[in-house]
Amino acid sequence: MNESRMPSDQNSASSQRLDDLFRAYHAACEPGEVSANFMPELWQKIENVQSATFSFRRIAKSFVTLAAALSMILAIIGFVPGQSSGPIYSASYVDVLAAHNEALAAHGPAESVQYALELIRPDVSDDGAGEI
């Protein structure tokens, strides 16, 4: 339809360019030798590519499985209550401060100095404790 409207010079030039394009395409995509082993060789190439992909996929799946298992173990460890008998410190800071003030008030002034020195330097012997 469209060819009849084109002048013959343009038609032949376009046809020549199209033929050159087809020849270049054919040269670039030259088919290899066809033999009886064509299909087995083709399947061997396909399987080699798939085995590399399968190997990577298998390694990735094992890492994901390992990460999920580790996450579950850590979650179980985090949520299971500990087996300790009780807290290490059973008194609050205010309770300890009140007991300390009561101990200071119960002792006399000389004993308070001795008590304070024992708190500061517990390794001081009793012989030199009265000397200040």
N, C-alpha and C. Protein backbone atom coordinates (compact mmCIF):
# COMPACT_ATOMS: atom_id res chain seq x y z
N MET A 1 0.81 -1.17 0.00
CA MET A 1 0.00 0.00 0.00
C MET A 1 0.86 1.25 0.00
N ASN A 2 1.73 1.32 0.94
CA ASN A 2 2.58 2.48 1.07
C ASN A 2 3.70 2.47 0.05
N GLU A 3 4.09 1.28 -0.43
CA GLU A 3 5.18 1.17 -1.38
C GLU A 3 4.82 1.78 -2.73
N SER A 4 3.57 1.70 -3.10
CA SER A 4 3.18 2.23 -4.40
C SER A 4 3.26 3.75 -4.44
N ARG A 5 3.15 4.40 -3.31
CA ARG A 5 3.20 5.86 -3.28
C ARG A 5 4.64 6.37 -3.24
N MET A 6 5.61 5.52 -2.82
CA MET A 6 6.99 5.96 -2.74
C MET A 6 7.59 5.91 -4.15
N PRO A 7 8.44 6.90 -4.46
CA PRO A 7 9.13 6.85 -5.76
C PRO A 7 10.07 5.65 -5.81
N SER A 8 10.35 5.17 -6.99
CA SER A 8 11.14 3.96 -7.16
C SER A 8 12.57 4.15 -6.66
N ASP A 9 13.14 5.35 -6.71
CA ASP A 9 14.50 5.60 -6.20
C ASP A 9 14.54 5.44 -4.68
N GLN A 10 13.55 5.99 -4.03
CA GLN A 10 13.50 5.86 -2.56
C GLN A 10 13.22 4.42 -2.17
N ASN A 11 12.36 3.76 -2.95
CA ASN A 11 12.01 2.37 -2.66
C ASN A 11 13.24 1.48 -2.78
N SER A 12 14.03 1.69 -3.79
CA SER A 12 15.22 0.86 -3.97
C SER A 12 16.28 1.20 -2.91
N ALA A 13 16.40 2.45 -2.51
CA ALA A 13 17.37 2.84 -1.48
C ALA A 13 16.96 2.26 -0.13
N SER A 14 15.68 2.34 0.17
CA SER A 14 15.18 1.76 1.43
C SER A 14 15.33 0.26 1.42
N SER A 15 15.02 -0.34 0.29
CA SER A 15 15.16 -1.78 0.17
C SER A 15 16.61 -2.20 0.32
N GLN A 16 17.51 -1.42 -0.25
CA GLN A 16 18.94 -1.72 -0.14
C GLN A 16 19.40 -1.60 1.32
N ARG A 17 18.96 -0.58 2.04
CA ARG A 17 19.33 -0.40 3.45
C ARG A 17 18.77 -1.53 4.30
N LEU A 18 17.55 -1.94 3.98
CA LEU A 18 16.94 -3.05 4.74
C LEU A 18 17.69 -4.35 4.46
N ASP A 19 18.09 -4.59 3.23
CA ASP A 19 18.86 -5.79 2.91
C ASP A 19 20.22 -5.77 3.62
N ASP A 20 20.86 -4.60 3.66
CA ASP A 20 22.14 -4.48 4.39
C ASP A 20 21.96 -4.76 5.88
N LEU A 21 20.86 -4.28 6.42
CA LEU A 21 20.57 -4.52 7.84
C LEU A 21 20.36 -6.00 8.10
N PHE A 22 19.63 -6.68 7.25
CA PHE A 22 19.40 -8.12 7.42
C PHE A 22 20.70 -8.91 7.29
N ARG A 23 21.57 -8.52 6.35
CA ARG A 23 22.85 -9.21 6.19
C ARG A 23 23.73 -9.01 7.44
N ALA A 24 23.75 -7.80 7.97
CA ALA A 24 24.54 -7.53 9.19
C ALA A 24 23.99 -8.32 10.37
N TYR A 25 22.67 -8.41 10.46
CA TYR A 25 22.05 -9.18 11.53
C TYR A 25 22.39 -10.66 11.39
N HIS A 26 22.33 -11.18 10.19
CA HIS A 26 22.63 -12.58 9.95
C HIS A 26 24.10 -12.89 10.27
N ALA A 27 24.99 -11.95 9.94
CA ALA A 27 26.42 -12.16 10.24
C ALA A 27 26.65 -12.12 11.75
N ALA A 28 25.93 -11.27 12.45
CA ALA A 28 26.11 -11.17 13.90
C ALA A 28 25.52 -12.38 14.63
N CYS A 29 24.47 -12.93 14.10
CA CYS A 29 23.79 -14.06 14.74
C CYS A 29 23.98 -15.34 13.94
N GLU A 30 25.17 -15.56 13.51
CA GLU A 30 25.46 -16.74 12.71
C GLU A 30 25.17 -17.99 13.54
N PRO A 31 24.32 -18.87 13.05
CA PRO A 31 24.04 -20.09 13.83
C PRO A 31 25.27 -20.99 13.83
N GLY A 32 25.47 -21.67 14.96
CA GLY A 32 26.62 -22.57 15.08
C GLY A 32 26.39 -23.85 14.30
N GLU A 33 27.37 -24.72 14.39
CA GLU A 33 27.27 -26.00 13.72
C GLU A 33 26.17 -26.83 14.36
N VAL A 34 25.32 -27.36 13.56
CA VAL A 34 24.25 -28.21 14.06
C VAL A 34 24.75 -29.65 13.98
N SER A 35 24.68 -30.32 15.14
CA SER A 35 25.14 -31.70 15.18
C SER A 35 24.12 -32.53 15.96
N ALA A 36 24.43 -33.80 16.09
CA ALA A 36 23.53 -34.70 16.83
C ALA A 36 23.55 -34.38 18.32
N ASN A 37 24.62 -33.76 18.80
CA ASN A 37 24.74 -33.42 20.22
C ASN A 37 24.24 -32.01 20.54
N PHE A 38 23.54 -31.39 19.63
CA PHE A 38 23.10 -30.00 19.83
C PHE A 38 22.20 -29.88 21.07
N MET A 39 21.16 -30.69 21.15
CA MET A 39 20.23 -30.59 22.28
C MET A 39 20.88 -31.00 23.60
N PRO A 40 21.64 -32.10 23.66
CA PRO A 40 22.30 -32.43 24.94
C PRO A 40 23.26 -31.33 25.41
N GLU A 41 24.01 -30.73 24.47
CA GLU A 41 24.90 -29.64 24.84
C GLU A 41 24.13 -28.42 25.31
N LEU A 42 23.03 -28.13 24.64
CA LEU A 42 22.20 -26.99 25.05
C LEU A 42 21.65 -27.21 26.46
N TRP A 43 21.14 -28.41 26.74
CA TRP A 43 20.62 -28.71 28.07
C TRP A 43 21.73 -28.70 29.12
N GLN A 44 22.92 -29.10 28.75
CA GLN A 44 24.05 -29.06 29.68
C GLN A 44 24.37 -27.62 30.06
N LYS A 45 24.35 -26.72 29.08
CA LYS A 45 24.59 -25.30 29.37
C LYS A 45 23.51 -24.73 30.28
N ILE A 46 22.26 -25.08 29.99
CA ILE A 46 21.14 -24.60 30.81
C ILE A 46 21.26 -25.13 32.24
N GLU A 47 21.59 -26.40 32.41
CA GLU A 47 21.72 -26.98 33.75
C GLU A 47 22.89 -26.37 34.51
N ASN A 48 23.97 -26.02 33.83
CA ASN A 48 25.09 -25.37 34.50
C ASN A 48 24.68 -24.02 35.06
N VAL A 49 23.94 -23.26 34.28
CA VAL A 49 23.47 -21.96 34.76
C VAL A 49 22.50 -22.14 35.93
N GLN A 50 21.59 -23.10 35.81
CA GLN A 50 20.62 -23.33 36.87
C GLN A 50 21.28 -23.85 38.13
N SER A 51 22.32 -24.66 38.01
CA SER A 51 22.97 -25.20 39.21
C SER A 51 23.68 -24.09 39.97
N ALA A 52 24.26 -23.12 39.26
CA ALA A 52 24.89 -21.99 39.95
C ALA A 52 23.84 -21.17 40.69
N THR A 53 22.70 -20.96 40.04
CA THR A 53 21.61 -20.22 40.68
C THR A 53 21.06 -21.02 41.84
N PHE A 54 20.91 -22.31 41.67
CA PHE A 54 20.39 -23.16 42.73
C PHE A 54 21.34 -23.18 43.93
N SER A 55 22.64 -23.21 43.67
CA SER A 55 23.63 -23.21 44.74
C SER A 55 23.53 -21.93 45.55
N PHE A 56 23.45 -20.79 44.88
CA PHE A 56 23.31 -19.51 45.58
C PHE A 56 22.00 -19.47 46.36
N ARG A 57 20.94 -19.95 45.76
CA ARG A 57 19.63 -19.96 46.42
C ARG A 57 19.66 -20.85 47.67
N ARG A 58 20.33 -22.00 47.57
CA ARG A 58 20.43 -22.92 48.70
C ARG A 58 21.21 -22.28 49.86
N ILE A 59 22.31 -21.60 49.54
CA ILE A 59 23.10 -20.93 50.58
C ILE A 59 22.28 -19.81 51.22
N ALA A 60 21.57 -19.04 50.41
CA ALA A 60 20.76 -17.95 50.95
C ALA A 60 19.65 -18.48 51.86
N LYS A 61 19.02 -19.57 51.46
CA LYS A 61 17.97 -20.16 52.30
C LYS A 61 18.54 -20.68 53.61
N SER A 62 19.73 -21.25 53.58
CA SER A 62 20.32 -21.75 54.83
C SER A 62 20.66 -20.60 55.76
N PHE A 63 21.13 -19.46 55.23
CA PHE A 63 21.40 -18.30 56.08
C PHE A 63 20.11 -17.75 56.69
N VAL A 64 19.05 -17.71 55.91
CA VAL A 64 17.76 -17.23 56.43
C VAL A 64 17.26 -18.16 57.52
N THR A 65 17.38 -19.46 57.32
CA THR A 65 16.95 -20.43 58.32
C THR A 65 17.78 -20.29 59.60
N LEU A 66 19.07 -20.13 59.45
CA LEU A 66 19.95 -19.95 60.61
C LEU A 66 19.60 -18.67 61.37
N ALA A 67 19.35 -17.59 60.66
CA ALA A 67 18.99 -16.33 61.31
C ALA A 67 17.66 -16.45 62.04
N ALA A 68 16.69 -17.12 61.45
CA ALA A 68 15.39 -17.31 62.10
C ALA A 68 15.54 -18.16 63.35
N ALA A 69 16.32 -19.23 63.29
CA ALA A 69 16.53 -20.09 64.46
C ALA A 69 17.24 -19.32 65.57
N LEU A 70 18.25 -18.56 65.23
CA LEU A 70 18.96 -17.77 66.23
C LEU A 70 18.06 -16.73 66.85
N SER A 71 17.22 -16.10 66.06
CA SER A 71 16.26 -15.12 66.59
C SER A 71 15.28 -15.76 67.55
N MET A 72 14.81 -16.94 67.20
CA MET A 72 13.87 -17.64 68.10
C MET A 72 14.55 -18.02 69.41
N ILE A 73 15.78 -18.50 69.34
CA ILE A 73 16.51 -18.87 70.56
C ILE A 73 16.73 -17.64 71.45
N LEU A 74 17.14 -16.52 70.85
CA LEU A 74 17.34 -15.31 71.63
C LEU A 74 16.04 -14.78 72.21
N ALA A 75 14.94 -14.90 71.48
CA ALA A 75 13.65 -14.47 72.00
C ALA A 75 13.22 -15.33 73.18
N ILE A 76 13.43 -16.64 73.08
CA ILE A 76 13.08 -17.53 74.19
C ILE A 76 13.93 -17.22 75.41
N ILE A 77 15.22 -17.01 75.21
CA ILE A 77 16.10 -16.68 76.33
C ILE A 77 15.69 -15.35 76.97
N GLY A 78 15.28 -14.40 76.16
CA GLY A 78 14.89 -13.09 76.68
C GLY A 78 13.58 -13.10 77.44
N PHE A 79 12.66 -13.97 77.07
CA PHE A 79 11.35 -13.96 77.71
C PHE A 79 11.20 -14.97 78.85
N VAL A 80 12.08 -15.94 78.94
CA VAL A 80 12.01 -16.91 80.03
C VAL A 80 12.55 -16.24 81.29
N PRO A 81 11.80 -16.28 82.40
CA PRO A 81 12.29 -15.63 83.61
C PRO A 81 13.51 -16.36 84.16
N GLY A 82 14.37 -15.61 84.81
CA GLY A 82 15.59 -16.18 85.35
C GLY A 82 15.30 -17.06 86.55
N GLN A 83 16.25 -17.91 86.90
CA GLN A 83 16.11 -18.85 88.01
C GLN A 83 16.73 -18.30 89.29
N SER A 84 16.96 -16.98 89.39
CA SER A 84 17.60 -16.43 90.58
C SER A 84 16.64 -16.49 91.76
N SER A 85 17.21 -16.58 92.97
CA SER A 85 16.39 -16.72 94.17
C SER A 85 15.75 -15.39 94.56
N GLY A 86 16.31 -14.31 94.21
CA GLY A 86 15.75 -13.00 94.54
C GLY A 86 16.71 -11.92 94.08
N PRO A 87 16.31 -10.69 94.25
CA PRO A 87 17.21 -9.61 93.83
C PRO A 87 18.43 -9.54 94.74
N ILE A 88 19.52 -9.08 94.19
CA ILE A 88 20.76 -8.99 94.95
C ILE A 88 20.62 -7.92 96.03
N TYR A 89 20.05 -6.79 95.67
CA TYR A 89 19.84 -5.71 96.62
C TYR A 89 18.37 -5.68 96.97
N SER A 90 18.06 -5.98 98.23
CA SER A 90 16.65 -6.00 98.62
C SER A 90 16.18 -4.68 99.20
N ALA A 91 17.10 -3.78 99.47
CA ALA A 91 16.73 -2.50 100.07
C ALA A 91 16.94 -1.39 99.05
N SER A 92 16.12 -0.37 99.15
CA SER A 92 16.26 0.76 98.25
C SER A 92 17.30 1.73 98.82
N TYR A 93 17.62 2.73 98.08
CA TYR A 93 18.60 3.73 98.51
C TYR A 93 18.11 4.46 99.75
N VAL A 94 16.83 4.77 99.79
CA VAL A 94 16.26 5.48 100.93
C VAL A 94 16.35 4.62 102.18
N ASP A 95 16.08 3.31 102.06
CA ASP A 95 16.17 2.41 103.21
C ASP A 95 17.60 2.34 103.75
N VAL A 96 18.57 2.24 102.86
CA VAL A 96 19.97 2.18 103.29
C VAL A 96 20.39 3.48 103.93
N LEU A 97 19.97 4.62 103.39
CA LEU A 97 20.30 5.92 103.95
C LEU A 97 19.68 6.08 105.33
N ALA A 98 18.45 5.63 105.51
CA ALA A 98 17.79 5.70 106.82
C ALA A 98 18.51 4.82 107.84
N ALA A 99 18.92 3.62 107.44
CA ALA A 99 19.65 2.73 108.35
C ALA A 99 21.00 3.33 108.72
N HIS A 100 21.65 3.98 107.78
CA HIS A 100 22.93 4.63 108.06
C HIS A 100 22.75 5.76 109.05
N ASN A 101 21.74 6.59 108.87
CA ASN A 101 21.49 7.70 109.81
C ASN A 101 21.13 7.18 111.19
N GLU A 102 20.37 6.10 111.27
CA GLU A 102 20.04 5.50 112.56
C GLU A 102 21.29 4.97 113.25
N ALA A 103 22.19 4.36 112.48
CA ALA A 103 23.44 3.85 113.06
C ALA A 103 24.30 4.98 113.57
N LEU A 104 24.36 6.09 112.85
CA LEU A 104 25.12 7.24 113.32
C LEU A 104 24.50 7.84 114.57
N ALA A 105 23.19 7.90 114.62
CA ALA A 105 22.51 8.48 115.78
C ALA A 105 22.63 7.57 117.00
N ALA A 106 22.70 6.28 116.82
CA ALA A 106 22.78 5.34 117.94
C ALA A 106 24.13 5.40 118.63
N HIS A 107 25.16 5.73 117.91
CA HIS A 107 26.50 5.80 118.48
C HIS A 107 26.74 7.20 119.03
N GLY A 108 27.68 7.28 119.98
CA GLY A 108 28.07 8.58 120.50
C GLY A 108 28.97 9.27 119.50
N PRO A 109 29.40 10.50 119.82
CA PRO A 109 30.26 11.25 118.90
C PRO A 109 31.57 10.54 118.61
N ALA A 110 32.22 9.97 119.59
CA ALA A 110 33.49 9.27 119.35
C ALA A 110 33.25 8.02 118.53
N GLU A 111 32.20 7.32 118.82
CA GLU A 111 31.88 6.11 118.06
C GLU A 111 31.48 6.46 116.62
N SER A 112 30.85 7.62 116.45
CA SER A 112 30.47 8.06 115.10
C SER A 112 31.69 8.31 114.24
N VAL A 113 32.74 8.87 114.86
CA VAL A 113 33.98 9.11 114.12
C VAL A 113 34.59 7.76 113.73
N GLN A 114 34.59 6.84 114.69
CA GLN A 114 35.13 5.51 114.41
C GLN A 114 34.33 4.84 113.29
N TYR A 115 33.01 4.93 113.33
CA TYR A 115 32.13 4.34 112.31
C TYR A 115 32.41 4.95 110.95
N ALA A 116 32.58 6.27 110.92
CA ALA A 116 32.84 6.96 109.65
C ALA A 116 34.20 6.54 109.09
N LEU A 117 35.20 6.40 109.97
CA LEU A 117 36.52 5.97 109.50
C LEU A 117 36.47 4.54 108.97
N GLU A 118 35.67 3.68 109.59
CA GLU A 118 35.54 2.32 109.09
C GLU A 118 34.86 2.29 107.72
N LEU A 119 33.95 3.21 107.53
CA LEU A 119 33.31 3.29 106.22
C LEU A 119 34.28 3.77 105.15
N ILE A 120 35.11 4.73 105.51
CA ILE A 120 36.03 5.31 104.53
C ILE A 120 37.20 4.36 104.29
N ARG A 121 37.83 3.90 105.37
CA ARG A 121 39.00 3.02 105.26
C ARG A 121 38.76 1.79 106.12
N PRO A 122 38.17 0.73 105.53
CA PRO A 122 37.87 -0.45 106.34
C PRO A 122 39.10 -1.23 106.78
N ASP A 123 40.27 -0.98 106.19
CA ASP A 123 41.46 -1.75 106.54
C ASP A 123 42.25 -1.15 107.71
N VAL A 124 41.80 -0.06 108.30
CA VAL A 124 42.50 0.58 109.42
C VAL A 124 42.30 -0.29 110.65
N SER A 125 43.38 -0.54 111.37
CA SER A 125 43.30 -1.37 112.57
C SER A 125 42.71 -0.57 113.73
N ASP A 126 42.30 -1.27 114.78
CA ASP A 126 41.70 -0.63 115.93
C ASP A 126 42.67 0.17 116.75
N ASP A 127 43.99 -0.12 116.66
CA ASP A 127 44.99 0.58 117.46
C ASP A 127 45.09 2.05 117.08
N GLY A 128 45.06 2.37 115.82
CA GLY A 128 45.21 3.75 115.38
C GLY A 128 43.91 4.42 115.07
N ALA A 129 42.77 3.82 115.44
CA ALA A 129 41.49 4.38 115.08
C ALA A 129 41.13 5.58 115.92
N GLY A 130 41.58 5.67 117.14
CA GLY A 130 41.23 6.79 118.00
C GLY A 130 42.05 8.01 117.73
N GLU A 131 43.15 7.90 117.04
CA GLU A 131 44.04 9.03 116.78
C GLU A 131 43.62 9.74 115.50
N ILE A 132 43.32 11.03 115.66
CA ILE A 132 42.98 11.82 114.48
C ILE A 132 43.72 13.12 114.50
